[in-house]
Amino acid sequence: MAVHNAADEYRMAKFYFDSKAYTDAARMLEGVLAEEPANLSVRLLLARSYYHSAQLGKAEAELIRILDADPAEDYARMMLGRTLERQGRTEEARPHLRLAAAMAGESV
């Protein structure tokens, strides 16, 4: 069965993500995002797919776009910190992780 619209593509991408086929999920989500560039939930799942498939530069870029649109998105902030850490950029990661923890009400 062919995938016909963005909603179907998103569901298929979510299935791939949940199945840990992160590269396939990212490929599907790139198409969805082309149709719905302002959809932050699609962008966040794309960033997570990039992160889990070790496409860290792409994950970082998507997370920055999310935070530019919604600076209060604490999960994206935490993911950006983790992405920077995974790239060995601990000093850059620290303020993002602290802010994410504070936003989530955790002790810093």
C-alpha atoms as a PDB file:
ATOM      1  CA  MET A   1       0.000   0.000   0.000  1.00  0.00           C
ATOM      2  CA  ALA A   2       1.385   3.385  -0.992  1.00  0.00           C
ATOM      3  CA  VAL A   3       1.646   6.156   1.578  1.00  0.00           C
ATOM      4  CA  HIS A   4      -0.577   8.995   0.391  1.00  0.00           C
ATOM      5  CA  ASN A   5      -0.397  11.922   2.785  1.00  0.00           C
ATOM      6  CA  ALA A   6       1.626  13.500   5.565  1.00  0.00           C
ATOM      7  CA  ALA A   7      -0.492  11.905   8.311  1.00  0.00           C
ATOM      8  CA  ASP A   8       0.063   8.423   6.866  1.00  0.00           C
ATOM      9  CA  GLU A   9       3.768   9.126   6.430  1.00  0.00           C
ATOM     10  CA  TYR A  10       3.998  10.347  10.039  1.00  0.00           C
ATOM     11  CA  ARG A  11       2.306   7.171  11.316  1.00  0.00           C
ATOM     12  CA  MET A  12       4.702   5.036   9.269  1.00  0.00           C
ATOM     13  CA  ALA A  13       7.675   7.054  10.524  1.00  0.00           C
ATOM     14  CA  LYS A  14       6.461   6.615  14.118  1.00  0.00           C
ATOM     15  CA  PHE A  15       6.212   2.870  13.492  1.00  0.00           C
ATOM     16  CA  TYR A  16       9.808   2.850  12.200  1.00  0.00           C
ATOM     17  CA  PHE A  17      10.952   4.911  15.194  1.00  0.00           C
ATOM     18  CA  ASP A  18       9.177   2.619  17.661  1.00  0.00           C
ATOM     19  CA  SER A  19      10.777  -0.347  15.862  1.00  0.00           C
ATOM     20  CA  LYS A  20      14.208   1.302  16.305  1.00  0.00           C
ATOM     21  CA  ALA A  21      14.604   1.740  12.544  1.00  0.00           C
ATOM     22  CA  TYR A  22      15.756   5.298  13.156  1.00  0.00           C
ATOM     23  CA  THR A  23      17.302   5.956   9.742  1.00  0.00           C
ATOM     24  CA  ASP A  24      14.089   4.864   8.003  1.00  0.00           C
ATOM     25  CA  ALA A  25      12.063   7.025  10.388  1.00  0.00           C
ATOM     26  CA  ALA A  26      14.271  10.030   9.633  1.00  0.00           C
ATOM     27  CA  ARG A  27      13.897   9.523   5.893  1.00  0.00           C
ATOM     28  CA  MET A  28      10.083   9.435   6.202  1.00  0.00           C
ATOM     29  CA  LEU A  29       9.994  12.414   8.559  1.00  0.00           C
ATOM     30  CA  GLU A  30      12.107  14.536   6.221  1.00  0.00           C
ATOM     31  CA  GLY A  31       9.297  14.174   3.667  1.00  0.00           C
ATOM     32  CA  VAL A  32       6.614  15.016   6.220  1.00  0.00           C
ATOM     33  CA  LEU A  33       8.566  18.062   7.368  1.00  0.00           C
ATOM     34  CA  ALA A  34       8.867  19.282   3.776  1.00  0.00           C
ATOM     35  CA  GLU A  35       5.053  19.368   3.690  1.00  0.00           C
ATOM     36  CA  GLU A  36       4.633  20.735   7.248  1.00  0.00           C
ATOM     37  CA  PRO A  37       7.740  22.776   8.117  1.00  0.00           C
ATOM     38  CA  ALA A  38       6.121  24.474  11.120  1.00  0.00           C
ATOM     39  CA  ASN A  39       5.100  21.196  12.795  1.00  0.00           C
ATOM     40  CA  LEU A  40       7.325  21.052  15.884  1.00  0.00           C
ATOM     41  CA  SER A  41       6.236  17.541  16.909  1.00  0.00           C
ATOM     42  CA  VAL A  42       7.389  16.204  13.525  1.00  0.00           C
ATOM     43  CA  ARG A  43      10.625  18.168  13.859  1.00  0.00           C
ATOM     44  CA  LEU A  44      11.213  16.783  17.368  1.00  0.00           C
ATOM     45  CA  LEU A  45      10.667  13.176  16.256  1.00  0.00           C
ATOM     46  CA  LEU A  46      13.029  13.843  13.336  1.00  0.00           C
ATOM     47  CA  ALA A  47      15.656  15.198  15.751  1.00  0.00           C
ATOM     48  CA  ARG A  48      15.232  12.131  17.954  1.00  0.00           C
ATOM     49  CA  SER A  49      15.561   9.855  14.905  1.00  0.00           C
ATOM     50  CA  TYR A  50      18.770  11.634  13.903  1.00  0.00           C
ATOM     51  CA  TYR A  51      20.096  11.372  17.469  1.00  0.00           C
ATOM     52  CA  HIS A  52      19.417   7.647  17.732  1.00  0.00           C
ATOM     53  CA  SER A  53      20.931   6.988  14.301  1.00  0.00           C
ATOM     54  CA  ALA A  54      24.076   8.960  15.284  1.00  0.00           C
ATOM     55  CA  GLN A  55      23.403  11.775  12.806  1.00  0.00           C
ATOM     56  CA  LEU A  56      24.327  14.240  15.533  1.00  0.00           C
ATOM     57  CA  GLY A  57      24.937  17.302  13.385  1.00  0.00           C
ATOM     58  CA  LYS A  58      21.484  16.964  11.848  1.00  0.00           C
ATOM     59  CA  ALA A  59      19.938  16.351  15.285  1.00  0.00           C
ATOM     60  CA  GLU A  60      21.612  19.490  16.633  1.00  0.00           C
ATOM     61  CA  ALA A  61      20.353  21.594  13.706  1.00  0.00           C
ATOM     62  CA  GLU A  62      16.743  20.393  14.148  1.00  0.00           C
ATOM     63  CA  LEU A  63      16.833  20.945  17.903  1.00  0.00           C
ATOM     64  CA  ILE A  64      18.115  24.490  17.436  1.00  0.00           C
ATOM     65  CA  ARG A  65      15.266  25.157  14.972  1.00  0.00           C
ATOM     66  CA  ILE A  66      12.761  23.869  17.546  1.00  0.00           C
ATOM     67  CA  LEU A  67      14.220  26.044  20.294  1.00  0.00           C
ATOM     68  CA  ASP A  68      14.237  29.088  18.007  1.00  0.00           C
ATOM     69  CA  ALA A  69      10.488  28.550  17.507  1.00  0.00           C
ATOM     70  CA  ASP A  70       9.737  27.533  21.119  1.00  0.00           C
ATOM     71  CA  PRO A  71      12.456  28.393  23.681  1.00  0.00           C
ATOM     72  CA  ALA A  72      10.342  26.814  26.469  1.00  0.00           C
ATOM     73  CA  GLU A  73      10.458  23.323  24.878  1.00  0.00           C
ATOM     74  CA  ASP A  74      12.314  21.612  27.748  1.00  0.00           C
ATOM     75  CA  TYR A  75      12.603  18.184  26.081  1.00  0.00           C
ATOM     76  CA  ALA A  76      14.269  19.706  23.000  1.00  0.00           C
ATOM     77  CA  ARG A  77      16.582  21.645  25.326  1.00  0.00           C
ATOM     78  CA  MET A  78      17.561  18.423  27.139  1.00  0.00           C
ATOM     79  CA  MET A  79      18.039  16.603  23.811  1.00  0.00           C
ATOM     80  CA  LEU A  80      20.278  19.420  22.554  1.00  0.00           C
ATOM     81  CA  GLY A  81      22.390  19.084  25.692  1.00  0.00           C
ATOM     82  CA  ARG A  82      22.645  15.312  25.239  1.00  0.00           C
ATOM     83  CA  THR A  83      23.471  15.733  21.542  1.00  0.00           C
ATOM     84  CA  LEU A  84      26.262  18.175  22.352  1.00  0.00           C
ATOM     85  CA  GLU A  85      27.568  15.833  25.078  1.00  0.00           C
ATOM     86  CA  ARG A  86      27.604  12.934  22.665  1.00  0.00           C
ATOM     87  CA  GLN A  87      29.763  15.045  20.340  1.00  0.00           C
ATOM     88  CA  GLY A  88      32.219  15.666  23.187  1.00  0.00           C
ATOM     89  CA  ARG A  89      31.057  19.289  23.617  1.00  0.00           C
ATOM     90  CA  THR A  90      30.429  19.062  27.365  1.00  0.00           C
ATOM     91  CA  GLU A  91      30.926  22.763  28.119  1.00  0.00           C
ATOM     92  CA  GLU A  92      28.378  23.754  25.458  1.00  0.00           C
ATOM     93  CA  ALA A  93      25.974  21.074  26.710  1.00  0.00           C
ATOM     94  CA  ARG A  94      26.016  22.066  30.387  1.00  0.00           C
ATOM     95  CA  PRO A  95      23.825  25.225  30.252  1.00  0.00           C
ATOM     96  CA  HIS A  96      21.219  23.457  28.101  1.00  0.00           C
ATOM     97  CA  LEU A  97      21.043  20.509  30.491  1.00  0.00           C
ATOM     98  CA  ARG A  98      20.803  22.791  33.539  1.00  0.00           C
ATOM     99  CA  LEU A  99      18.057  24.878  31.956  1.00  0.00           C
ATOM    100  CA  ALA A 100      16.130  21.780  30.870  1.00  0.00           C
ATOM    101  CA  ALA A 101      16.322  20.373  34.404  1.00  0.00           C
ATOM    102  CA  ALA A 102      15.151  23.666  35.902  1.00  0.00           C
ATOM    103  CA  MET A 103      12.288  23.896  33.376  1.00  0.00           C
ATOM    104  CA  ALA A 104      11.230  20.355  34.234  1.00  0.00           C
ATOM    105  CA  GLY A 105      11.279  21.180  37.966  1.00  0.00           C
ATOM    106  CA  GLU A 106      14.238  18.951  38.757  1.00  0.00           C
ATOM    107  CA  SER A 107      16.931  19.996  41.184  1.00  0.00           C
ATOM    108  CA  VAL A 108      20.006  21.262  39.370  1.00  0.00           C
END
